Protein backbone atom coordinates (compact mmCIF):
# COMPACT_ATOMS: atom_id res chain seq x y z
CA UNK A 1 122.42 -1.82 95.50
CA UNK A 2 121.82 1.68 95.09
CA UNK A 3 120.93 1.84 91.80
CA UNK A 4 118.11 -0.71 92.49
CA UNK A 5 116.78 1.74 95.13
CA UNK A 6 117.03 4.70 92.55
CA UNK A 7 115.06 2.66 90.28
CA UNK A 8 112.33 1.09 92.65
CA UNK A 9 111.97 4.59 93.88
CA UNK A 10 111.08 6.05 90.37
CA UNK A 11 108.96 2.97 89.34
CA UNK A 12 106.93 3.45 92.74
CA UNK A 13 105.89 7.18 91.93
CA UNK A 14 105.34 6.35 88.79
CA UNK A 15 102.75 3.98 89.37
CA UNK A 16 101.27 6.36 91.99
CA UNK A 17 100.11 8.27 89.02
CA UNK A 18 98.02 5.53 87.48
CA UNK A 19 100.09 6.32 84.24
CA UNK A 20 102.65 3.86 82.77
CA UNK A 21 105.89 4.69 82.09
CA UNK A 22 105.56 3.92 78.41
CA UNK A 23 102.97 6.38 78.00
CA UNK A 24 104.83 9.17 79.97
CA UNK A 25 107.50 11.39 78.20
CA UNK A 26 110.47 11.55 79.77
CA UNK A 27 109.89 15.26 80.69
CA UNK A 28 107.03 14.19 82.87
CA UNK A 29 108.77 11.36 84.65
CA UNK A 30 109.43 11.20 88.34
CA UNK A 31 107.61 14.66 88.68
CA UNK A 32 104.72 13.06 91.43
CA UNK A 33 101.11 14.13 91.38
CA UNK A 34 102.20 16.75 88.47
CA UNK A 35 103.13 14.24 85.92
CA UNK A 36 99.61 13.59 84.63
CA UNK A 37 99.79 17.35 83.78
CA UNK A 38 101.42 17.12 80.76
CA UNK A 39 98.16 15.04 79.15
CA UNK A 40 96.65 18.39 78.98
CA UNK A 41 96.57 20.37 76.49
CA UNK A 42 99.67 22.51 76.15
CA UNK A 43 97.33 25.96 77.34
CA UNK A 44 96.35 24.53 80.49
CA UNK A 45 100.32 24.00 81.51
CA UNK A 46 103.43 26.14 80.99
CA UNK A 47 104.63 26.00 78.13
CA UNK A 48 107.84 24.05 77.61
CA UNK A 49 110.92 24.11 74.89
CA UNK A 50 111.20 20.85 73.13
CA UNK A 51 113.26 17.89 74.47
CA UNK A 52 116.36 16.85 73.13
CA UNK A 53 116.94 13.32 71.06
CA UNK A 54 117.57 11.18 74.13
CA UNK A 55 117.06 8.10 74.97
CA UNK A 56 118.53 7.76 78.78
CA UNK A 57 119.25 10.47 81.56
CA UNK A 58 122.10 9.98 83.77
CA UNK A 59 121.43 11.43 87.14
CA UNK A 60 123.36 12.08 89.85
CA UNK A 61 122.37 9.41 93.00
CA UNK A 62 123.80 11.50 95.37
CA UNK A 63 123.16 14.99 95.03
CA UNK A 64 119.42 15.07 93.32
CA UNK A 65 116.50 13.57 95.14
CA UNK A 66 114.73 11.04 93.18
CA UNK A 67 111.68 13.49 93.35
CA UNK A 68 113.36 15.99 91.01
CA UNK A 69 114.84 13.15 88.78
CA UNK A 70 115.38 13.05 85.87
CA UNK A 71 114.08 16.38 84.67
CA UNK A 72 113.53 20.02 86.57
CA UNK A 73 110.05 22.07 85.60
CA UNK A 74 109.16 25.88 86.18
CA UNK A 75 106.65 24.27 88.42
CA UNK A 76 109.46 22.49 91.11
CA UNK A 77 112.36 24.58 93.01
CA UNK A 78 115.58 23.82 91.88
CA UNK A 79 117.56 21.00 93.09
CA UNK A 80 120.33 21.64 94.90
CA UNK A 81 123.41 22.15 92.98
CA UNK A 82 125.97 19.38 92.67
CA UNK A 83 129.40 19.82 94.89
CA UNK A 84 132.29 18.67 92.62
CA UNK A 85 133.02 15.25 93.30
CA UNK A 86 136.31 13.48 93.43
CA UNK A 87 137.11 10.17 91.20
CA UNK A 88 137.41 8.46 93.76
CA UNK A 89 134.70 9.79 96.12
CA UNK A 90 132.38 10.17 92.87
CA UNK A 91 128.97 9.06 93.59
CA UNK A 92 127.35 5.95 91.00
CA UNK A 93 124.69 7.19 88.44
CA UNK A 94 121.63 5.82 88.00
CA UNK A 95 120.65 5.03 83.77
CA UNK A 96 116.85 5.34 83.43
CA UNK A 97 115.48 4.21 80.18
CA UNK A 98 113.34 6.68 78.59
CA UNK A 99 110.39 6.40 75.89
CA UNK A 100 111.07 8.64 72.48
CA UNK A 101 108.77 11.60 72.52
CA UNK A 102 105.90 12.63 71.68
CA UNK A 103 104.21 15.78 71.74
CA UNK A 104 101.69 16.64 73.29
CA UNK A 105 98.36 16.96 72.25
CA UNK A 106 97.20 20.20 69.90
CA UNK A 107 94.91 22.93 72.22
CA UNK A 108 91.64 22.87 71.43
CA UNK A 109 91.04 26.61 70.14
CA UNK A 110 87.89 28.09 70.88
CA UNK A 111 85.71 29.05 67.68
CA UNK A 112 86.14 32.92 66.72
CA UNK A 113 83.70 34.90 67.84
CA UNK A 114 80.98 36.51 64.67
CA UNK A 115 82.73 39.61 63.61
CA UNK A 116 81.64 42.91 64.72
CA UNK A 117 80.69 43.96 61.14
CA UNK A 118 79.15 41.72 58.37
CA UNK A 119 80.89 43.11 55.39
CA UNK A 120 78.36 41.53 52.75
CA UNK A 121 75.59 43.72 54.64
CA UNK A 122 77.55 46.55 54.58
CA UNK A 123 78.34 46.60 51.41
CA UNK A 124 74.47 45.43 50.32
CA UNK A 125 73.42 48.41 52.66
CA UNK A 126 75.68 51.09 50.61
CA UNK A 127 74.18 50.03 47.17
CA UNK A 128 70.54 50.47 48.67
CA UNK A 129 71.69 54.03 49.62
CA UNK A 130 71.33 56.67 47.86
CA UNK A 131 74.13 57.70 45.85
CA UNK A 132 75.78 60.95 47.24
CA UNK A 133 75.19 64.26 45.70
CA UNK A 134 76.71 64.80 42.34
CA UNK A 135 79.89 67.44 42.46
CA UNK A 136 78.83 68.94 39.21
CA UNK A 137 77.62 72.65 40.40
CA UNK A 138 77.30 76.01 39.29
CA UNK A 139 80.78 76.72 40.77
CA UNK A 140 83.57 76.20 38.52
CA UNK A 141 86.98 73.61 39.50
CA UNK A 142 89.03 76.47 41.41
CA UNK A 143 86.32 79.06 42.98
CA UNK A 144 87.48 80.75 46.04
CA UNK A 145 85.92 78.88 48.88
CA UNK A 146 84.01 80.77 51.29
CA UNK A 147 85.96 81.69 54.65
CA UNK A 148 85.89 83.39 57.57
CA UNK A 149 86.80 86.94 58.32
CA UNK A 150 89.90 85.29 59.80
CA UNK A 151 91.51 83.07 57.42
CA UNK A 152 94.12 80.92 59.05
CA UNK A 153 96.83 79.22 56.69
CA UNK A 154 97.30 76.62 59.40
CA UNK A 155 100.60 74.98 57.96
CA UNK A 156 102.27 78.56 57.12
CA UNK A 157 101.25 80.03 60.17
CA UNK A 158 99.71 83.28 58.71
CA UNK A 159 96.64 84.33 59.91
CA UNK A 160 95.04 86.61 57.15
CA UNK A 161 92.19 89.41 57.68
CA UNK A 162 90.19 87.97 54.49
CA UNK A 163 88.72 91.94 53.26
CA UNK A 164 92.08 93.79 53.52
CA UNK A 165 90.36 96.82 53.93
CA UNK A 166 88.88 95.80 57.04
CA UNK A 167 90.38 95.95 60.03
CA UNK A 168 91.69 93.28 62.07
CA UNK A 169 93.40 92.22 64.93
CA UNK A 170 96.33 90.07 65.52
CA UNK A 171 96.66 89.23 61.64
CA UNK A 172 99.39 89.49 59.13
CA UNK A 173 99.87 92.42 56.57
CA UNK A 174 100.14 89.68 54.11
CA UNK A 175 99.69 93.22 51.05
CA UNK A 176 102.83 94.64 52.32
CA UNK A 177 104.65 91.43 52.34
CA UNK A 178 102.96 89.35 49.18
CA UNK A 179 101.39 92.70 47.40
CA UNK A 180 104.20 92.66 44.76
CA UNK A 181 105.20 88.82 44.41
CA UNK A 182 104.78 88.13 40.25
CA UNK A 183 107.28 84.23 40.59
CA UNK A 184 106.98 81.35 43.06
CA UNK A 185 109.47 78.86 43.39
CA UNK A 186 108.83 75.58 45.37
CA UNK A 187 111.38 73.06 46.28
CA UNK A 188 111.64 70.06 48.67
CA UNK A 189 113.53 70.81 51.23
CA UNK A 190 113.86 74.04 54.01
CA UNK A 191 117.37 74.11 53.21
CA UNK A 192 116.98 74.05 49.32
CA UNK A 193 114.48 76.99 49.96
CA UNK A 194 116.50 79.35 51.79
CA UNK A 195 119.57 78.61 48.78
CA UNK A 196 117.22 79.53 46.39
CA UNK A 197 116.31 82.73 48.02
CA UNK A 198 119.41 83.32 49.02
CA UNK A 199 120.31 83.07 45.38
CA UNK A 200 117.62 85.72 44.30
CA UNK A 201 118.67 87.94 47.00
CA UNK A 202 120.25 91.58 46.29
CA UNK A 203 121.41 93.38 49.30
CA UNK A 204 120.26 96.47 47.88
CA UNK A 205 116.52 95.49 48.13
CA UNK A 206 116.78 94.16 51.79
CA UNK A 207 118.29 90.31 50.57
CA UNK A 208 116.11 87.55 52.40
CA UNK A 209 113.02 87.92 54.09
CA UNK A 210 112.26 84.83 56.29
CA UNK A 211 108.33 84.30 56.55
CA UNK A 212 108.65 81.04 58.11
CA UNK A 213 105.91 80.71 60.86
CA UNK A 214 106.15 76.92 61.53
CA UNK A 215 107.97 73.70 60.95
CA UNK A 216 106.43 72.40 58.30
CA UNK A 217 107.30 74.82 55.42
CA UNK A 218 109.60 77.24 54.45
CA UNK A 219 108.64 80.09 53.55
CA UNK A 220 110.96 83.06 52.26
CA UNK A 221 110.56 86.64 50.08
CA UNK A 222 113.74 87.65 47.86
CA UNK A 223 114.14 89.89 44.92
CA UNK A 224 112.90 93.09 46.68
CA UNK A 225 109.58 91.15 47.21
CA UNK A 226 108.96 90.08 43.79
CA UNK A 227 109.95 85.86 44.10
CA UNK A 228 108.46 83.83 46.66
CA UNK A 229 110.25 80.60 47.95
CA UNK A 230 108.83 77.85 49.54
CA UNK A 231 109.21 73.77 50.46
CA UNK A 232 106.66 71.43 49.85
CA UNK A 233 108.31 68.48 51.77
CA UNK A 234 107.84 65.38 49.83
CA UNK A 235 104.66 63.79 48.03
CA UNK A 236 101.38 64.60 46.17
CA UNK A 237 99.24 65.30 49.75
CA UNK A 238 102.10 67.91 50.76
CA UNK A 239 102.51 69.93 47.93
CA UNK A 240 98.66 70.63 47.68
CA UNK A 241 98.85 71.63 50.76
CA UNK A 242 101.35 74.21 50.47
CA UNK A 243 99.83 74.63 47.37
CA UNK A 244 96.30 75.80 48.48
CA UNK A 245 97.60 77.86 51.14
CA UNK A 246 100.28 80.11 48.87
CA UNK A 247 97.42 80.45 46.43
CA UNK A 248 95.25 81.91 48.99
CA UNK A 249 97.58 84.37 50.06
CA UNK A 250 98.14 85.54 46.66
CA UNK A 251 94.39 86.08 46.30
CA UNK A 252 94.37 88.06 49.63
CA UNK A 253 97.63 89.90 48.96
CA UNK A 254 96.14 91.02 45.46
CA UNK A 255 99.26 89.59 43.85
CA UNK A 256 99.84 88.83 40.75
CA UNK A 257 96.59 90.73 39.41
CA UNK A 258 94.11 88.26 41.13
CA UNK A 259 91.20 89.97 43.33
CA UNK A 260 91.27 89.66 46.70
CA UNK A 261 88.48 87.82 48.21
CA UNK A 262 85.81 90.88 48.77
CA UNK A 263 88.16 93.58 47.63
CA UNK A 264 88.93 94.82 44.14
CA UNK A 265 92.66 94.61 42.97
CA UNK A 266 94.31 98.04 43.12
CA UNK A 267 95.65 99.68 40.14
CA UNK A 268 99.61 98.91 40.85
CA UNK A 269 98.54 95.03 41.68
CA UNK A 270 96.66 94.77 38.47
CA UNK A 271 99.04 95.86 36.17
CA UNK A 272 101.34 92.93 37.38
CA UNK A 273 100.98 89.67 35.49
CA UNK A 274 99.72 86.42 36.95
CA UNK A 275 101.87 84.31 39.37
CA UNK A 276 103.82 81.84 37.88
CA UNK A 277 104.70 78.95 39.56
CA UNK A 278 108.19 76.83 39.48
CA UNK A 279 109.12 73.35 40.94
CA UNK A 280 112.28 72.61 41.02
CA UNK A 281 114.26 69.64 42.76
CA UNK A 282 115.88 66.75 41.88
CA UNK A 283 114.22 62.97 40.48
CA UNK A 284 115.42 59.84 39.17
CA UNK A 285 116.52 59.52 35.31
CA UNK A 286 114.54 56.93 33.01
CA UNK A 287 117.25 56.25 30.36
CA UNK A 288 118.76 59.73 30.94
CA UNK A 289 121.99 59.84 32.42
CA UNK A 290 122.77 61.88 35.75
CA UNK A 291 123.22 65.45 36.20
CA UNK A 292 120.73 66.20 33.12
CA UNK A 293 117.95 68.29 33.75
CA UNK A 294 114.81 66.66 33.13
CA UNK A 295 111.81 70.03 31.81
CA UNK A 296 108.73 68.46 31.66
CA UNK A 297 106.35 68.12 29.29
CA UNK A 298 103.26 66.49 30.79
CA UNK A 299 102.45 64.29 33.73
CA UNK A 300 101.30 60.42 34.39
CA UNK A 301 100.87 58.68 37.53
CA UNK A 302 102.39 54.81 38.10
CA UNK A 303 99.46 53.61 35.34
CA UNK A 304 100.82 56.24 32.56
CA UNK A 305 97.46 58.01 32.61
CA UNK A 306 98.13 61.84 32.17
CA UNK A 307 95.49 62.36 35.52
CA UNK A 308 94.99 62.48 38.97
CA UNK A 309 92.52 60.65 40.81
CA UNK A 310 90.82 62.18 43.78
CA UNK A 311 87.83 61.48 46.25
CA UNK A 312 85.74 64.61 47.18
CA UNK A 313 82.56 63.86 49.58
CA UNK A 314 82.60 60.48 48.89
CA UNK A 315 83.12 60.58 45.10
CA UNK A 316 85.69 59.87 43.10
CA UNK A 317 86.81 61.88 40.58
CA UNK A 318 89.52 62.90 37.93
CA UNK A 319 91.09 65.57 36.41
CA UNK A 320 93.60 66.44 33.56
CA UNK A 321 97.67 67.40 35.29
CA UNK A 322 98.55 69.80 32.49
CA UNK A 323 101.01 72.42 32.63
CA UNK A 324 101.09 75.64 31.00
CA UNK A 325 102.82 75.02 27.83
CA UNK A 326 103.50 78.58 26.83
CA UNK A 327 105.89 78.36 30.31
CA UNK A 328 107.42 75.38 29.42
CA UNK A 329 108.54 76.57 26.12
CA UNK A 330 109.89 79.35 27.22
CA UNK A 331 112.12 77.83 29.94
CA UNK A 332 112.92 74.68 27.57
CA UNK A 333 114.55 77.80 25.44
CA UNK A 334 116.26 79.29 27.89
CA UNK A 335 117.83 76.13 29.85
CA UNK A 336 119.29 74.62 26.43
CA UNK A 337 120.48 78.28 25.44
CA UNK A 338 122.34 78.23 28.83
CA UNK A 339 123.64 74.51 28.47
CA UNK A 340 124.38 74.87 25.08
CA UNK A 341 126.52 78.38 25.97
CA UNK A 342 123.76 80.49 23.65
CA UNK A 343 122.17 82.19 26.16
CA UNK A 344 123.42 84.52 28.67
CA UNK A 345 124.74 82.68 31.75
CA UNK A 346 122.62 82.60 35.01
CA UNK A 347 123.07 86.47 37.21
CA UNK A 348 125.97 86.32 39.76
CA UNK A 349 124.73 84.74 43.31
CA UNK A 350 125.45 85.53 47.03
CA UNK A 351 126.02 88.40 49.20
CA UNK A 352 127.20 90.85 46.75
CA UNK A 353 130.68 90.62 47.06
CA UNK A 354 133.46 88.41 44.52
CA UNK A 355 133.56 85.50 46.72
CA UNK A 356 129.78 85.22 46.92
CA UNK A 357 129.18 85.57 43.27
CA UNK A 358 129.51 82.77 40.68
CA UNK A 359 133.41 81.48 40.40
CA UNK A 360 134.58 85.05 42.22
CA UNK A 361 135.83 86.48 38.94
CA UNK A 362 137.09 82.81 37.84
CA UNK A 363 136.73 82.32 34.56
CA UNK A 364 136.62 78.27 34.69
CA UNK A 365 133.73 78.97 36.88
CA UNK A 366 131.10 78.69 34.45
CA UNK A 367 132.30 75.74 33.11
CA UNK A 368 132.48 74.25 36.78
CA UNK A 369 128.86 75.31 38.13
CA UNK A 370 126.87 77.14 35.92
CA UNK A 371 127.42 74.10 32.90
CA UNK A 372 127.75 71.32 35.54
CA UNK A 373 124.42 70.27 33.97
CA UNK A 374 125.56 68.90 30.24
CA UNK A 375 122.30 67.96 28.43
CA UNK A 376 118.50 69.08 28.84
CA UNK A 377 115.62 66.50 27.92
CA UNK A 378 112.10 67.56 27.54
CA UNK A 379 109.66 64.97 28.28
CA UNK A 380 107.07 62.97 30.60
CA UNK A 381 107.11 62.69 34.02
CA UNK A 382 106.32 60.39 36.09
CA UNK A 383 104.64 61.30 39.76
CA UNK A 384 104.72 57.94 41.85
CA UNK A 385 103.25 57.58 45.42
CA UNK A 386 105.92 56.41 46.98
CA UNK A 387 110.09 56.37 46.69
CA UNK A 388 111.01 52.47 46.65
CA UNK A 389 108.87 49.77 45.29
CA UNK A 390 106.03 52.23 43.71
CA UNK A 391 109.12 53.01 41.36
CA UNK A 392 110.22 49.77 40.96
CA UNK A 393 113.54 50.06 43.31
CA UNK A 394 114.70 46.79 44.87
CA UNK A 395 116.42 48.41 47.52
CA UNK A 396 113.63 48.58 50.21
CA UNK A 397 112.45 46.85 52.80
CA UNK A 398 110.49 44.37 51.12
CA UNK A 399 110.67 43.80 47.50
CA UNK A 400 107.56 42.05 45.02
CA UNK A 401 108.71 41.47 42.11
CA UNK A 402 111.51 40.43 40.38
CA UNK A 403 114.66 41.88 38.38
CA UNK A 404 113.01 40.92 35.10
CA UNK A 405 109.25 42.58 36.21
CA UNK A 406 111.65 45.42 36.80
CA UNK A 407 113.41 45.49 33.77
CA UNK A 408 110.11 45.35 31.94
CA UNK A 409 108.54 47.81 33.53
CA UNK A 410 111.43 50.28 33.42
CA UNK A 411 111.55 50.00 29.42
CA UNK A 412 107.85 50.19 28.91
CA UNK A 413 107.91 53.67 31.01
CA UNK A 414 110.74 54.71 28.90
CA UNK A 415 109.10 53.07 25.60
CA UNK A 416 105.83 55.93 26.44
CA UNK A 417 107.97 58.65 27.23
CA UNK A 418 109.05 58.87 30.37
CA UNK A 419 112.12 60.70 31.15
CA UNK A 420 112.07 61.08 34.98
CA UNK A 421 110.62 59.44 38.50
CA UNK A 422 109.45 61.97 41.18
CA UNK A 423 106.25 61.95 43.55
CA UNK A 424 104.90 65.53 43.70
CA UNK A 425 104.49 66.35 39.93
CA UNK A 426 100.94 64.98 39.52
CA UNK A 427 99.60 67.42 41.98
CA UNK A 428 101.52 70.18 41.43
CA UNK A 429 100.21 70.33 37.79
CA UNK A 430 96.67 69.20 38.38
CA UNK A 431 96.53 72.00 40.96
CA UNK A 432 98.09 75.03 38.60
CA UNK A 433 95.58 73.54 35.60
CA UNK A 434 92.82 73.83 37.50
CA UNK A 435 93.40 77.25 38.84
CA UNK A 436 94.30 78.74 35.85
CA UNK A 437 98.27 79.31 37.21
CA UNK A 438 101.18 78.90 34.93
CA UNK A 439 103.83 76.58 35.71
CA UNK A 440 106.91 74.46 34.69
CA UNK A 441 108.84 72.27 36.60
CA UNK A 442 112.36 71.34 36.27
CA UNK A 443 114.48 68.58 37.96
CA UNK A 444 118.23 67.47 37.72
CA UNK A 445 118.38 63.57 37.47
CA UNK A 446 120.50 61.59 40.19
CA UNK A 447 120.97 58.47 38.58
CA UNK A 448 119.64 57.16 35.56
CA UNK A 449 117.46 54.16 36.99
CA UNK A 450 117.44 51.75 33.92
CA UNK A 451 121.33 50.78 35.27
CA UNK A 452 120.35 50.65 39.11
CA UNK A 453 118.41 51.83 42.10
CA UNK A 454 120.78 53.67 44.32
CA UNK A 455 122.15 57.41 44.04
CA UNK A 456 126.06 56.31 43.99
CA UNK A 457 127.33 59.97 42.91
CA UNK A 458 130.00 61.17 45.09
CA UNK A 459 128.12 64.27 47.73
CA UNK A 460 130.88 66.97 45.59
CA UNK A 461 128.94 66.17 42.61
CA UNK A 462 125.32 66.49 43.93
CA UNK A 463 126.13 69.55 45.51
CA UNK A 464 127.56 70.92 42.08
CA UNK A 465 124.11 69.43 39.96
CA UNK A 466 121.47 71.22 42.69
CA UNK A 467 123.67 74.19 42.54
CA UNK A 468 123.37 74.37 38.93
CA UNK A 469 119.90 73.73 39.14
CA UNK A 470 119.36 76.95 41.54
CA UNK A 471 121.87 79.18 39.25
CA UNK A 472 119.46 77.78 35.90
CA UNK A 473 116.18 78.78 37.23
CA UNK A 474 117.42 82.05 38.94
CA UNK A 475 118.83 83.41 35.58
CA UNK A 476 115.52 82.64 34.13
CA UNK A 477 113.07 83.97 36.43
CA UNK A 478 115.37 87.51 36.77
CA UNK A 479 115.20 87.76 33.19
CA UNK A 480 111.48 87.55 33.08
CA UNK A 481 111.17 89.92 36.35
CA UNK A 482 113.55 92.35 33.63
CA UNK A 483 110.94 91.58 30.84
CA UNK A 484 107.83 92.19 33.40
CA UNK A 485 109.83 95.50 34.57
CA UNK A 486 110.74 97.38 30.78
CA UNK A 487 106.55 96.30 29.86
CA UNK A 488 105.45 98.01 32.85
CA UNK A 489 107.63 101.14 31.93
CA UNK A 490 109.68 101.05 34.60
CA UNK A 491 113.33 100.70 35.83
CA UNK A 492 114.30 97.08 35.86
CA UNK A 493 114.68 95.55 39.34
CA UNK A 494 117.93 96.09 41.11
CA UNK A 495 118.17 92.01 41.29
CA UNK A 496 118.24 91.94 37.79
CA UNK A 497 120.93 95.13 36.65
CA UNK A 498 123.31 94.12 39.31
CA UNK A 499 125.24 91.31 37.28
CA UNK A 500 128.38 92.38 37.98
CA UNK A 501 131.13 89.44 38.22
CA UNK A 502 128.48 87.08 36.62
CA UNK A 503 130.20 84.06 35.26
């Protein structure tokens, strides 16, 4: 009798809604006046998870009031918990037949509002406007920009008096700090810049002068103020910023024979050669094995074009990315001699003691450290705008090409003369070419990209390659410093002559 009563109660409640049990999903049956809510679009009622594929529900007749059968919803209070029943006292259960599940009707979405901006009209209006003024002007590329009496080199944290002879407060004496700089070495990280500066240091000349003022770029002076070492970060924009501010800094200091913005160079600085820029770092080799020193002959972009494109005042322009051939040839001859054992090894490193120098007098130290670079390759460097997909890597968070496409592109780049990938050289070459600055690039390959994407060499091997690169560039620059001192008719700098304990 209880089963009949429960079934009759359920049928009565369904009939009160005016909807037959055949048209009401099981998950709305037994909800009284709320049952009709499920005929509304789902946007008008709370969303519910899709019901399981059941054909019958078993309802505890003793513990669950009929109103809450057979399913509870968020709109109704929860049922009273069913107490455990013994086998002997377990109440009967009611079996209620349910129709197959039918999803609710789709929610009618309102039409999207009209766009705030009509792209076609904007393009038509842009075409109708007169083009921006051409950038062709009497000012040649690389002309110093006009500025205020005090120039804030924001990213280096320096304030410079534009006219060194004018009295200015709260400015840095850049003439005293950078007035003798003839070589500027740039690298990616601050820690590598510090290591380079320490390698150039000579205790008798005061060691390393830390001129770092911000957390954006590190800046050091070494070799008695003749060498500036700076970090440039990752990517073209980052290296472009520090190149602008370093070049202005050297101009204001009247270093390297470059006049200040408003003052003529003194006789002492006019006798100095132009500042030579170097970029050193790591790279991915293309067809060359890990541990190869890659010297850049020319730089191309991702489309293998030897130019860099920029947008200035709304106008796109391109400029050549060319390194100074004489500087590249000179560095190449030195590097091949060092790696091949034909040139004098790089000078000593460290704090002046035997332990800090190359091997501390160990005759095998040159083979372990100075000669860790097993070959020198001169070729084209491709500067890409990213590290992963842009360089054909398939180990990033996503990948839009397959293995065959990657392999074909890498082979094409190698056949075009590309020997390494990196992310800064295009800007470095274009900037130095625009300003007539002699420059060269040297990078050590950490892997051969034709064989894979990930750097798998052990950390000690990576450190040895980086140390060898530092020793090589230090030896070359100090050789240049010795030549500059001899050409000037003076005594070679102490950092050049103090080579005791060199490997």
